[in-house]
Amino acid sequence: MKSYSQTIRIALGAAALLPALSHAYAIDAQLDCKSTAHAVVAPLQRDHLIETSPMRVEPNSVNVFRTTHGSELTAFGFKVYAVVGYQKDDEIFRRGSGEPIADSAYGAVVIGRSSAVEQKVRAAGSDASIHTAAPFMTAIFCKQD
């Protein structure tokens, strides 16, 4: 039978490992607007960083994928709330009831004020458009026709 102090040491050792095991995964490079929605979304799904089914599909076909429990996605230093995307004729995206926004569009919804997000996005050299999604939430969006 282990002593109380041994149990505490084991628990503290395991707790010390947790920060090393859980780390943020930055998607800054994918938001340079030089990619396709499939190239951005598929690897995140494969690596279980976002859900495989969208939590919502907008009428313009933008699919909204929630981050998975425990994933720590960031974009330009901001926590990612959701990844969005659509690519024409691609099986991982569902089509909405209206006209699709573009042949390929993708981005991320982050927690942060749009002015602060835009400053970081521009400093990184991205041409992504910036939109206020909700108070303290900002969409970083790339669109190709």
Protein backbone atom coordinates (compact mmCIF):
# COMPACT_ATOMS: atom_id res chain seq x y z
CA MET A 1 0.00 0.00 0.00
CA LYS A 2 1.35 3.39 -0.99
CA SER A 3 1.81 6.04 1.60
CA TYR A 4 -0.03 9.33 1.43
CA SER A 5 3.18 11.20 0.50
CA GLN A 6 3.88 8.78 -2.37
CA THR A 7 0.37 9.31 -3.70
CA ILE A 8 0.82 13.08 -3.52
CA ARG A 9 4.17 12.88 -5.35
CA ILE A 10 2.64 10.74 -8.10
CA ALA A 11 -0.30 13.13 -8.47
CA LEU A 12 2.00 16.17 -8.59
CA GLY A 13 4.22 14.46 -11.15
CA ALA A 14 1.22 13.67 -13.36
CA ALA A 15 -0.05 17.22 -13.00
CA ALA A 16 3.34 18.56 -14.05
CA LEU A 17 3.07 16.60 -17.29
CA LEU A 18 -0.30 18.08 -18.27
CA PRO A 19 1.01 21.44 -19.55
CA ALA A 20 3.50 19.58 -21.72
CA LEU A 21 0.77 17.34 -23.13
CA SER A 22 -1.77 20.08 -23.82
CA HIS A 23 -0.43 22.87 -25.99
CA ALA A 24 -1.91 25.41 -28.30
CA TYR A 25 -1.97 24.66 -32.00
CA ALA A 26 -1.60 27.86 -34.03
CA ILE A 27 -3.37 28.10 -37.40
CA ASP A 28 -1.85 31.46 -38.37
CA ALA A 29 -0.11 30.06 -41.47
CA GLN A 30 -3.36 28.56 -42.80
CA LEU A 31 -5.04 31.98 -42.60
CA ASP A 32 -2.71 33.57 -45.17
CA CYS A 33 -5.50 33.39 -47.80
CA LYS A 34 -3.35 31.36 -50.19
CA SER A 35 -4.99 28.00 -49.53
CA THR A 36 -8.31 26.25 -50.05
CA ALA A 37 -11.00 25.46 -47.52
CA HIS A 38 -10.30 21.73 -47.88
CA ALA A 39 -6.56 22.18 -47.24
CA VAL A 40 -7.34 24.08 -44.03
CA VAL A 41 -10.32 22.17 -42.63
CA ALA A 42 -9.48 18.53 -43.50
CA PRO A 43 -6.23 18.32 -41.48
CA LEU A 44 -7.91 19.94 -38.46
CA GLN A 45 -10.66 17.32 -38.66
CA ARG A 46 -8.16 14.48 -39.18
CA ASP A 47 -6.21 15.58 -36.10
CA HIS A 48 -9.45 15.86 -34.08
CA LEU A 49 -8.95 19.58 -33.43
CA ILE A 50 -12.37 20.46 -34.85
CA GLU A 51 -15.58 18.44 -35.14
CA THR A 52 -16.15 16.49 -38.37
CA SER A 53 -19.75 17.66 -38.69
CA PRO A 54 -20.56 21.36 -38.75
CA MET A 55 -22.54 22.74 -35.83
CA ARG A 56 -24.24 25.07 -38.31
CA VAL A 57 -24.47 25.60 -42.07
CA GLU A 58 -25.31 29.14 -43.13
CA PRO A 59 -27.60 29.77 -46.13
CA ASN A 60 -24.48 30.95 -48.06
CA SER A 61 -22.98 27.46 -47.42
CA VAL A 62 -20.43 28.55 -44.83
CA ASN A 63 -20.01 25.53 -42.53
CA VAL A 64 -19.20 26.34 -38.89
CA PHE A 65 -17.08 23.70 -37.13
CA ARG A 66 -16.73 23.82 -33.35
CA THR A 67 -13.34 23.08 -31.84
CA THR A 68 -13.20 19.72 -30.07
CA HIS A 69 -13.22 19.44 -26.30
CA GLY A 70 -9.69 19.93 -25.06
CA SER A 71 -8.24 21.32 -28.28
CA GLU A 72 -6.38 24.59 -27.94
CA LEU A 73 -6.49 26.23 -31.36
CA THR A 74 -5.17 29.76 -31.72
CA ALA A 75 -5.02 32.24 -34.57
CA PHE A 76 -2.60 35.16 -34.33
CA GLY A 77 -2.48 34.69 -30.56
CA PHE A 78 -6.28 34.60 -30.07
CA LYS A 79 -8.25 31.54 -28.91
CA VAL A 80 -10.25 29.99 -31.77
CA TYR A 81 -13.95 29.49 -31.03
CA ALA A 82 -14.81 27.90 -34.40
CA VAL A 83 -13.36 27.21 -37.84
CA VAL A 84 -15.49 28.10 -40.85
CA GLY A 85 -15.30 27.00 -44.44
CA TYR A 86 -16.90 25.90 -47.67
CA GLN A 87 -15.50 24.41 -50.85
CA LYS A 88 -17.62 23.69 -53.88
CA ASP A 89 -18.06 19.98 -54.69
CA ASP A 90 -16.16 18.85 -51.58
CA GLU A 91 -17.73 16.09 -49.48
CA ILE A 92 -16.61 17.48 -46.12
CA PHE A 93 -18.78 20.59 -46.59
CA ARG A 94 -22.55 20.79 -46.75
CA ARG A 95 -24.27 23.21 -49.08
CA GLY A 96 -26.64 25.78 -47.60
CA SER A 97 -30.09 26.76 -48.87
CA GLY A 98 -28.89 29.85 -50.74
CA GLU A 99 -26.15 30.86 -53.14
CA PRO A 100 -22.68 29.74 -51.94
CA ILE A 101 -20.42 32.55 -50.78
CA ALA A 102 -17.58 31.45 -53.11
CA ASP A 103 -16.03 28.37 -54.67
CA SER A 104 -13.71 28.23 -51.64
CA ALA A 105 -13.85 30.24 -48.43
CA TYR A 106 -12.45 29.58 -44.97
CA GLY A 107 -11.45 31.21 -41.74
CA ALA A 108 -11.74 31.22 -37.99
CA VAL A 109 -13.85 32.91 -35.36
CA VAL A 110 -11.64 34.04 -32.51
CA ILE A 111 -12.23 35.55 -29.10
CA GLY A 112 -10.98 39.13 -29.27
CA ARG A 113 -11.90 42.64 -30.37
CA SER A 114 -11.80 43.18 -34.13
CA SER A 115 -9.33 46.09 -33.89
CA ALA A 116 -6.80 43.99 -31.95
CA VAL A 117 -7.31 40.98 -34.24
CA GLU A 118 -6.91 43.07 -37.39
CA GLN A 119 -3.69 44.59 -36.07
CA LYS A 120 -2.16 41.13 -35.49
CA VAL A 121 -3.44 39.73 -38.81
CA ARG A 122 -1.97 42.64 -40.80
CA ALA A 123 1.32 42.48 -38.88
CA ALA A 124 1.57 38.82 -39.96
CA GLY A 125 1.05 39.81 -43.61
CA SER A 126 -2.34 38.15 -44.11
CA ASP A 127 -4.91 39.64 -46.48
CA ALA A 128 -7.80 38.03 -44.60
CA SER A 129 -10.88 40.14 -44.10
CA ILE A 130 -11.86 40.93 -40.53
CA HIS A 131 -15.49 41.03 -39.35
CA THR A 132 -17.05 41.55 -35.94
CA ALA A 133 -18.98 38.34 -35.26
CA ALA A 134 -20.32 39.23 -31.80
CA PRO A 135 -19.13 41.35 -28.90
CA PHE A 136 -15.53 40.27 -28.27
CA MET A 137 -15.65 37.76 -31.16
CA THR A 138 -14.07 38.36 -34.54
CA ALA A 139 -14.11 36.41 -37.81
CA ILE A 140 -10.90 36.12 -39.82
CA PHE A 141 -12.01 35.19 -43.33
CA CYS A 142 -10.41 34.24 -46.66
CA LYS A 143 -12.48 33.94 -49.85
CA GLN A 144 -11.59 32.76 -53.36
CA ASP A 145 -13.86 32.73 -56.40
